[in-house]
């Protein structure tokens, strides 16, 4: 029949809110995949046939896509001709709407960051059961600046990226991930600035909130700096040698 058409579509998405690209099993209530959102948008075009989307590439939960693809068959009512490519794209984008990305409260993040600068007992910011080390550290820099991403030029909408920079002579195990996590939580309103201070003042790793530490993805060791004096060779007597000989 002439009102049947097979469409190949290309789409991109921010995967943070999705449980991957394909449909989520019914038992996982409150979760959904990208495929379900696309199929719901296609159903609003009122096709005669059941909508079934065949996605070319699977992505895991939280993974983004700059260009994924899928195809589907669509039969319109009353022998109407197939949608043109332009009309289909416009209709799907209208039905999908833009995924809302929460803006961060950067002022709150700066206030929380100021609490972490200086010399403190960072016991609350080290991992549970980490090897014992002196928890007193001096954090010289906690900076929050607009950043960039290789993906910037690929997205069809403006996305703001932020870079968090921490500088210290040394860090406790997972201290940076925990500091980054509380700053983002403050920016998202999950933690108040006063709560960040309470966590720091607790000096107890068990006081750190569950699921707040930033994931390892996106974390970079930027550089290791040395003082010139650190690089000078210092001749010291071997402890095994008799100093009298």
C-alpha atoms as a PDB file:
ATOM      1  CA  UNK A   1       0.000   0.000   0.000  1.00  0.00           C
ATOM      2  CA  UNK A   2       1.305   3.434  -0.910  1.00  0.00           C
ATOM      3  CA  UNK A   3       0.734   4.953   2.559  1.00  0.00           C
ATOM      4  CA  UNK A   4       3.338   2.644   4.164  1.00  0.00           C
ATOM      5  CA  UNK A   5       6.814   4.057   4.622  1.00  0.00           C
ATOM      6  CA  UNK A   6      10.021   2.986   6.337  1.00  0.00           C
ATOM      7  CA  UNK A   7      11.946   5.780   8.018  1.00  0.00           C
ATOM      8  CA  UNK A   8      15.561   5.947   9.138  1.00  0.00           C
ATOM      9  CA  UNK A   9      16.140   8.572  11.807  1.00  0.00           C
ATOM     10  CA  UNK A  10      19.292   9.880  13.468  1.00  0.00           C
ATOM     11  CA  UNK A  11      19.073  11.219  17.007  1.00  0.00           C
ATOM     12  CA  UNK A  12      21.228  12.356  19.925  1.00  0.00           C
ATOM     13  CA  UNK A  13      20.584  12.406  23.652  1.00  0.00           C
ATOM     14  CA  UNK A  14      21.969  13.218  27.063  1.00  0.00           C
ATOM     15  CA  UNK A  15      21.868   9.816  28.709  1.00  0.00           C
ATOM     16  CA  UNK A  16      21.932  10.942  32.329  1.00  0.00           C
ATOM     17  CA  UNK A  17      18.208  10.413  32.912  1.00  0.00           C
ATOM     18  CA  UNK A  18      17.835   7.252  30.855  1.00  0.00           C
ATOM     19  CA  UNK A  19      18.397   3.599  31.657  1.00  0.00           C
ATOM     20  CA  UNK A  20      20.151   3.107  28.337  1.00  0.00           C
ATOM     21  CA  UNK A  21      18.723   3.362  24.851  1.00  0.00           C
ATOM     22  CA  UNK A  22      16.507   0.259  24.590  1.00  0.00           C
ATOM     23  CA  UNK A  23      13.275  -0.415  26.439  1.00  0.00           C
ATOM     24  CA  UNK A  24      13.463  -1.051  30.162  1.00  0.00           C
ATOM     25  CA  UNK A  25      11.834  -4.254  31.507  1.00  0.00           C
ATOM     26  CA  UNK A  26       8.359  -3.587  33.014  1.00  0.00           C
ATOM     27  CA  UNK A  27       9.495  -4.673  36.486  1.00  0.00           C
ATOM     28  CA  UNK A  28      11.905  -1.719  36.665  1.00  0.00           C
ATOM     29  CA  UNK A  29       9.260   0.816  37.591  1.00  0.00           C
ATOM     30  CA  UNK A  30      10.042   4.493  37.287  1.00  0.00           C
ATOM     31  CA  UNK A  31      12.834   3.926  34.767  1.00  0.00           C
ATOM     32  CA  UNK A  32      12.808   4.256  31.006  1.00  0.00           C
ATOM     33  CA  UNK A  33      15.034   4.052  27.968  1.00  0.00           C
ATOM     34  CA  UNK A  34      15.474   6.433  25.041  1.00  0.00           C
ATOM     35  CA  UNK A  35      13.570   4.033  22.771  1.00  0.00           C
ATOM     36  CA  UNK A  36      10.406   4.438  24.818  1.00  0.00           C
ATOM     37  CA  UNK A  37      10.500   8.229  24.512  1.00  0.00           C
ATOM     38  CA  UNK A  38      10.948   8.007  20.753  1.00  0.00           C
ATOM     39  CA  UNK A  39       8.121   5.497  20.367  1.00  0.00           C
ATOM     40  CA  UNK A  40       5.789   7.685  22.422  1.00  0.00           C
ATOM     41  CA  UNK A  41       6.580  10.618  20.117  1.00  0.00           C
ATOM     42  CA  UNK A  42       5.896   8.478  17.029  1.00  0.00           C
ATOM     43  CA  UNK A  43       2.564   7.270  18.454  1.00  0.00           C
ATOM     44  CA  UNK A  44       1.414  10.898  18.638  1.00  0.00           C
ATOM     45  CA  UNK A  45       1.541  10.913  14.840  1.00  0.00           C
ATOM     46  CA  UNK A  46      -1.444   8.511  15.047  1.00  0.00           C
ATOM     47  CA  UNK A  47      -0.159   5.670  12.840  1.00  0.00           C
ATOM     48  CA  UNK A  48      -2.411   2.743  11.937  1.00  0.00           C
ATOM     49  CA  UNK A  49       0.224   0.127  12.756  1.00  0.00           C
ATOM     50  CA  UNK A  50       1.794  -0.617  16.158  1.00  0.00           C
ATOM     51  CA  UNK A  51       5.010   1.342  16.585  1.00  0.00           C
ATOM     52  CA  UNK A  52       8.193  -0.701  16.870  1.00  0.00           C
ATOM     53  CA  UNK A  53      11.548   1.033  16.754  1.00  0.00           C
ATOM     54  CA  UNK A  54      14.695  -0.867  15.771  1.00  0.00           C
ATOM     55  CA  UNK A  55      17.703   0.921  17.268  1.00  0.00           C
ATOM     56  CA  UNK A  56      21.069   0.407  15.606  1.00  0.00           C
ATOM     57  CA  UNK A  57      23.301   0.745  18.670  1.00  0.00           C
ATOM     58  CA  UNK A  58      22.741  -0.007  22.321  1.00  0.00           C
ATOM     59  CA  UNK A  59      24.144   2.301  24.969  1.00  0.00           C
ATOM     60  CA  UNK A  60      24.359   1.635  28.695  1.00  0.00           C
ATOM     61  CA  UNK A  61      22.590   3.626  31.380  1.00  0.00           C
ATOM     62  CA  UNK A  62      23.906   7.182  31.560  1.00  0.00           C
ATOM     63  CA  UNK A  63      25.809   7.022  28.262  1.00  0.00           C
ATOM     64  CA  UNK A  64      25.274   9.946  25.876  1.00  0.00           C
ATOM     65  CA  UNK A  65      24.978   9.755  22.094  1.00  0.00           C
ATOM     66  CA  UNK A  66      26.082  12.307  19.527  1.00  0.00           C
ATOM     67  CA  UNK A  67      24.505  10.342  16.678  1.00  0.00           C
ATOM     68  CA  UNK A  68      22.559   7.114  17.096  1.00  0.00           C
ATOM     69  CA  UNK A  69      20.095   5.787  14.522  1.00  0.00           C
ATOM     70  CA  UNK A  70      16.941   3.701  14.286  1.00  0.00           C
ATOM     71  CA  UNK A  71      14.318   2.729  11.743  1.00  0.00           C
ATOM     72  CA  UNK A  72      10.580   2.121  11.939  1.00  0.00           C
ATOM     73  CA  UNK A  73       7.605   1.489   9.659  1.00  0.00           C
ATOM     74  CA  UNK A  74       4.621   3.810   9.678  1.00  0.00           C
ATOM     75  CA  UNK A  75       1.228   3.581   8.003  1.00  0.00           C
ATOM     76  CA  UNK A  76      -0.947   6.689   8.013  1.00  0.00           C
ATOM     77  CA  UNK A  77      -4.745   6.725   8.296  1.00  0.00           C
ATOM     78  CA  UNK A  78      -7.116   7.186   5.387  1.00  0.00           C
ATOM     79  CA  UNK A  79      -4.466   6.393   2.762  1.00  0.00           C
ATOM     80  CA  UNK A  80      -2.634   9.620   3.470  1.00  0.00           C
ATOM     81  CA  UNK A  81       0.791   9.818   1.788  1.00  0.00           C
ATOM     82  CA  UNK A  82       3.926   9.211   3.866  1.00  0.00           C
ATOM     83  CA  UNK A  83       5.406  12.094   5.813  1.00  0.00           C
ATOM     84  CA  UNK A  84       8.197  13.961   4.102  1.00  0.00           C
ATOM     85  CA  UNK A  85      11.547  13.949   5.924  1.00  0.00           C
ATOM     86  CA  UNK A  86      11.239  17.589   6.984  1.00  0.00           C
ATOM     87  CA  UNK A  87       7.705  17.185   8.325  1.00  0.00           C
ATOM     88  CA  UNK A  88       8.641  14.022  10.233  1.00  0.00           C
ATOM     89  CA  UNK A  89      11.669  15.638  11.885  1.00  0.00           C
ATOM     90  CA  UNK A  90       9.683  18.706  12.886  1.00  0.00           C
ATOM     91  CA  UNK A  91       6.814  16.612  14.264  1.00  0.00           C
ATOM     92  CA  UNK A  92       9.051  14.289  16.273  1.00  0.00           C
ATOM     93  CA  UNK A  93      11.059  17.168  17.747  1.00  0.00           C
ATOM     94  CA  UNK A  94       7.823  18.912  18.714  1.00  0.00           C
ATOM     95  CA  UNK A  95       6.483  15.785  20.433  1.00  0.00           C
ATOM     96  CA  UNK A  96       9.750  14.928  22.162  1.00  0.00           C
ATOM     97  CA  UNK A  97      10.408  18.392  23.587  1.00  0.00           C
ATOM     98  CA  UNK A  98      13.878  19.141  24.905  1.00  0.00           C
ATOM     99  CA  UNK A  99      15.124  17.148  27.833  1.00  0.00           C
ATOM    100  CA  UNK A 100      15.398  19.588  30.676  1.00  0.00           C
ATOM    101  CA  UNK A 101      18.889  19.913  32.153  1.00  0.00           C
ATOM    102  CA  UNK A 102      18.948  21.402  35.622  1.00  0.00           C
ATOM    103  CA  UNK A 103      20.983  24.571  35.956  1.00  0.00           C
ATOM    104  CA  UNK A 104      23.576  24.561  38.722  1.00  0.00           C
ATOM    105  CA  UNK A 105      23.597  27.215  41.434  1.00  0.00           C
ATOM    106  CA  UNK A 106      27.174  28.356  40.846  1.00  0.00           C
ATOM    107  CA  UNK A 107      27.071  30.885  43.698  1.00  0.00           C
ATOM    108  CA  UNK A 108      26.275  28.093  46.171  1.00  0.00           C
ATOM    109  CA  UNK A 109      29.084  26.013  44.699  1.00  0.00           C
ATOM    110  CA  UNK A 110      31.562  28.886  45.183  1.00  0.00           C
ATOM    111  CA  UNK A 111      30.456  29.293  48.817  1.00  0.00           C
ATOM    112  CA  UNK A 112      30.885  25.577  49.450  1.00  0.00           C
ATOM    113  CA  UNK A 113      34.254  25.572  47.659  1.00  0.00           C
ATOM    114  CA  UNK A 114      35.539  28.348  49.946  1.00  0.00           C
ATOM    115  CA  UNK A 115      34.949  26.056  52.936  1.00  0.00           C
ATOM    116  CA  UNK A 116      37.322  23.449  51.496  1.00  0.00           C
ATOM    117  CA  UNK A 117      40.235  25.800  50.834  1.00  0.00           C
ATOM    118  CA  UNK A 118      42.953  25.860  53.481  1.00  0.00           C
ATOM    119  CA  UNK A 119      44.216  23.407  56.078  1.00  0.00           C
ATOM    120  CA  UNK A 120      41.554  21.070  57.472  1.00  0.00           C
ATOM    121  CA  UNK A 121      41.019  17.621  58.862  1.00  0.00           C
ATOM    122  CA  UNK A 122      39.458  15.965  55.790  1.00  0.00           C
ATOM    123  CA  UNK A 123      38.525  12.703  57.530  1.00  0.00           C
ATOM    124  CA  UNK A 124      34.951  13.032  56.211  1.00  0.00           C
ATOM    125  CA  UNK A 125      36.282  13.159  52.663  1.00  0.00           C
ATOM    126  CA  UNK A 126      38.300   9.975  52.600  1.00  0.00           C
ATOM    127  CA  UNK A 127      36.929   6.595  51.602  1.00  0.00           C
ATOM    128  CA  UNK A 128      35.653   4.176  54.214  1.00  0.00           C
ATOM    129  CA  UNK A 129      38.287   1.571  55.116  1.00  0.00           C
ATOM    130  CA  UNK A 130      41.023   3.496  53.273  1.00  0.00           C
ATOM    131  CA  UNK A 131      44.574   3.065  54.624  1.00  0.00           C
ATOM    132  CA  UNK A 132      45.180   5.416  57.525  1.00  0.00           C
ATOM    133  CA  UNK A 133      47.089   8.544  56.650  1.00  0.00           C
ATOM    134  CA  UNK A 134      47.249  11.916  58.312  1.00  0.00           C
ATOM    135  CA  UNK A 135      43.816  13.396  57.419  1.00  0.00           C
ATOM    136  CA  UNK A 136      45.044  16.964  57.767  1.00  0.00           C
ATOM    137  CA  UNK A 137      45.608  18.349  54.288  1.00  0.00           C
ATOM    138  CA  UNK A 138      46.080  21.813  52.856  1.00  0.00           C
ATOM    139  CA  UNK A 139      43.998  22.471  49.759  1.00  0.00           C
ATOM    140  CA  UNK A 140      45.444  25.462  47.943  1.00  0.00           C
ATOM    141  CA  UNK A 141      42.901  25.833  45.149  1.00  0.00           C
ATOM    142  CA  UNK A 142      39.266  24.896  44.587  1.00  0.00           C
ATOM    143  CA  UNK A 143      38.195  26.573  41.350  1.00  0.00           C
ATOM    144  CA  UNK A 144      34.908  26.404  39.433  1.00  0.00           C
ATOM    145  CA  UNK A 145      35.171  27.693  35.882  1.00  0.00           C
ATOM    146  CA  UNK A 146      33.256  27.456  32.605  1.00  0.00           C
ATOM    147  CA  UNK A 147      34.719  24.598  30.598  1.00  0.00           C
ATOM    148  CA  UNK A 148      34.433  23.037  27.179  1.00  0.00           C
ATOM    149  CA  UNK A 149      33.983  19.612  25.665  1.00  0.00           C
ATOM    150  CA  UNK A 150      34.785  17.899  22.381  1.00  0.00           C
ATOM    151  CA  UNK A 151      31.023  17.322  22.119  1.00  0.00           C
ATOM    152  CA  UNK A 152      30.206  21.044  22.074  1.00  0.00           C
ATOM    153  CA  UNK A 153      30.118  21.355  18.296  1.00  0.00           C
ATOM    154  CA  UNK A 154      28.025  18.206  17.852  1.00  0.00           C
ATOM    155  CA  UNK A 155      24.999  19.036  19.978  1.00  0.00           C
ATOM    156  CA  UNK A 156      22.135  20.964  18.447  1.00  0.00           C
ATOM    157  CA  UNK A 157      21.551  22.904  21.643  1.00  0.00           C
ATOM    158  CA  UNK A 158      23.709  25.003  23.930  1.00  0.00           C
ATOM    159  CA  UNK A 159      25.143  23.039  26.836  1.00  0.00           C
ATOM    160  CA  UNK A 160      27.146  24.665  29.611  1.00  0.00           C
ATOM    161  CA  UNK A 161      30.113  22.660  30.865  1.00  0.00           C
ATOM    162  CA  UNK A 162      31.892  23.404  34.139  1.00  0.00           C
ATOM    163  CA  UNK A 163      35.379  22.446  35.255  1.00  0.00           C
ATOM    164  CA  UNK A 164      36.259  21.862  38.914  1.00  0.00           C
ATOM    165  CA  UNK A 165      39.953  22.192  39.743  1.00  0.00           C
ATOM    166  CA  UNK A 166      41.569  21.095  43.018  1.00  0.00           C
ATOM    167  CA  UNK A 167      45.209  21.702  43.919  1.00  0.00           C
ATOM    168  CA  UNK A 168      47.057  20.318  46.931  1.00  0.00           C
ATOM    169  CA  UNK A 169      50.408  18.801  47.794  1.00  0.00           C
ATOM    170  CA  UNK A 170      48.570  15.514  48.364  1.00  0.00           C
ATOM    171  CA  UNK A 171      45.056  14.123  48.699  1.00  0.00           C
ATOM    172  CA  UNK A 172      43.429  11.366  50.709  1.00  0.00           C
ATOM    173  CA  UNK A 173      42.002   8.372  48.868  1.00  0.00           C
ATOM    174  CA  UNK A 174      38.837   9.524  47.034  1.00  0.00           C
ATOM    175  CA  UNK A 175      39.081  12.991  48.593  1.00  0.00           C
ATOM    176  CA  UNK A 176      38.821  14.751  45.226  1.00  0.00           C
ATOM    177  CA  UNK A 177      35.798  12.718  44.134  1.00  0.00           C
ATOM    178  CA  UNK A 178      34.078  13.453  47.425  1.00  0.00           C
ATOM    179  CA  UNK A 179      34.867  17.171  47.282  1.00  0.00           C
ATOM    180  CA  UNK A 180      33.609  17.355  43.688  1.00  0.00           C
ATOM    181  CA  UNK A 181      30.477  15.469  44.684  1.00  0.00           C
ATOM    182  CA  UNK A 182      29.514  17.824  47.501  1.00  0.00           C
ATOM    183  CA  UNK A 183      30.088  20.874  45.291  1.00  0.00           C
ATOM    184  CA  UNK A 184      27.784  19.491  42.604  1.00  0.00           C
ATOM    185  CA  UNK A 185      25.249  18.514  45.287  1.00  0.00           C
ATOM    186  CA  UNK A 186      25.349  22.098  46.577  1.00  0.00           C
ATOM    187  CA  UNK A 187      24.872  23.370  43.035  1.00  0.00           C
ATOM    188  CA  UNK A 188      21.868  21.106  42.544  1.00  0.00           C
ATOM    189  CA  UNK A 189      20.301  22.029  45.878  1.00  0.00           C
ATOM    190  CA  UNK A 190      20.765  18.566  47.363  1.00  0.00           C
ATOM    191  CA  UNK A 191      23.066  19.954  50.046  1.00  0.00           C
ATOM    192  CA  UNK A 192      23.085  23.419  51.581  1.00  0.00           C
ATOM    193  CA  UNK A 193      26.339  25.257  52.175  1.00  0.00           C
ATOM    194  CA  UNK A 194      25.847  24.798  55.926  1.00  0.00           C
ATOM    195  CA  UNK A 195      25.463  21.039  55.412  1.00  0.00           C
ATOM    196  CA  UNK A 196      28.766  20.957  53.520  1.00  0.00           C
ATOM    197  CA  UNK A 197      30.373  22.670  56.530  1.00  0.00           C
ATOM    198  CA  UNK A 198      28.778  20.119  58.874  1.00  0.00           C
ATOM    199  CA  UNK A 199      30.252  17.278  56.815  1.00  0.00           C
ATOM    200  CA  UNK A 200      33.706  18.831  56.954  1.00  0.00           C
ATOM    201  CA  UNK A 201      33.454  19.575  60.689  1.00  0.00           C
ATOM    202  CA  UNK A 202      32.282  16.032  61.481  1.00  0.00           C
ATOM    203  CA  UNK A 203      35.756  14.648  60.672  1.00  0.00           C
ATOM    204  CA  UNK A 204      34.157  11.252  60.183  1.00  0.00           C
ATOM    205  CA  UNK A 205      34.097   9.341  56.901  1.00  0.00           C
ATOM    206  CA  UNK A 206      30.718   7.857  57.896  1.00  0.00           C
ATOM    207  CA  UNK A 207      29.253  11.377  57.976  1.00  0.00           C
ATOM    208  CA  UNK A 208      29.652  11.676  54.217  1.00  0.00           C
ATOM    209  CA  UNK A 209      26.246  11.333  52.449  1.00  0.00           C
ATOM    210  CA  UNK A 210      25.521   8.191  50.448  1.00  0.00           C
ATOM    211  CA  UNK A 211      25.795   8.418  46.646  1.00  0.00           C
ATOM    212  CA  UNK A 212      27.228  11.945  46.627  1.00  0.00           C
ATOM    213  CA  UNK A 213      30.834  11.212  45.614  1.00  0.00           C
ATOM    214  CA  UNK A 214      31.463  12.043  41.958  1.00  0.00           C
ATOM    215  CA  UNK A 215      32.083   9.051  39.668  1.00  0.00           C
ATOM    216  CA  UNK A 216      35.597   8.444  38.386  1.00  0.00           C
ATOM    217  CA  UNK A 217      34.511   9.258  34.811  1.00  0.00           C
ATOM    218  CA  UNK A 218      35.454  12.813  33.938  1.00  0.00           C
ATOM    219  CA  UNK A 219      38.189  13.017  36.572  1.00  0.00           C
ATOM    220  CA  UNK A 220      41.638  13.973  35.280  1.00  0.00           C
ATOM    221  CA  UNK A 221      45.043  14.216  36.915  1.00  0.00           C
ATOM    222  CA  UNK A 222      46.037  17.485  35.318  1.00  0.00           C
ATOM    223  CA  UNK A 223      49.687  17.760  36.351  1.00  0.00           C
ATOM    224  CA  UNK A 224      52.283  17.073  39.029  1.00  0.00           C
ATOM    225  CA  UNK A 225      54.408  20.077  39.991  1.00  0.00           C
ATOM    226  CA  UNK A 226      57.758  20.158  41.763  1.00  0.00           C
ATOM    227  CA  UNK A 227      59.730  22.866  43.524  1.00  0.00           C
ATOM    228  CA  UNK A 228      63.190  23.268  42.083  1.00  0.00           C
ATOM    229  CA  UNK A 229      64.633  22.283  45.474  1.00  0.00           C
ATOM    230  CA  UNK A 230      62.752  18.965  45.243  1.00  0.00           C
ATOM    231  CA  UNK A 231      64.781  18.056  42.180  1.00  0.00           C
ATOM    232  CA  UNK A 232      68.196  18.679  43.728  1.00  0.00           C
ATOM    233  CA  UNK A 233      70.143  15.547  44.598  1.00  0.00           C
ATOM    234  CA  UNK A 234      70.929  15.313  48.279  1.00  0.00           C
ATOM    235  CA  UNK A 235      73.732  12.946  49.403  1.00  0.00           C
ATOM    236  CA  UNK A 236      72.754  11.298  52.652  1.00  0.00           C
ATOM    237  CA  UNK A 237      74.716   8.607  54.528  1.00  0.00           C
ATOM    238  CA  UNK A 238      73.406   5.087  54.181  1.00  0.00           C
ATOM    239  CA  UNK A 239      71.763   4.056  57.416  1.00  0.00           C
ATOM    240  CA  UNK A 240      73.463   0.628  57.142  1.00  0.00           C
ATOM    241  CA  UNK A 241      76.920   2.172  57.058  1.00  0.00           C
ATOM    242  CA  UNK A 242      78.971   2.760  60.175  1.00  0.00           C
ATOM    243  CA  UNK A 243      79.287   6.552  60.445  1.00  0.00           C
ATOM    244  CA  UNK A 244      82.721   6.107  62.071  1.00  0.00           C
ATOM    245  CA  UNK A 245      84.257   4.453  59.003  1.00  0.00           C
END
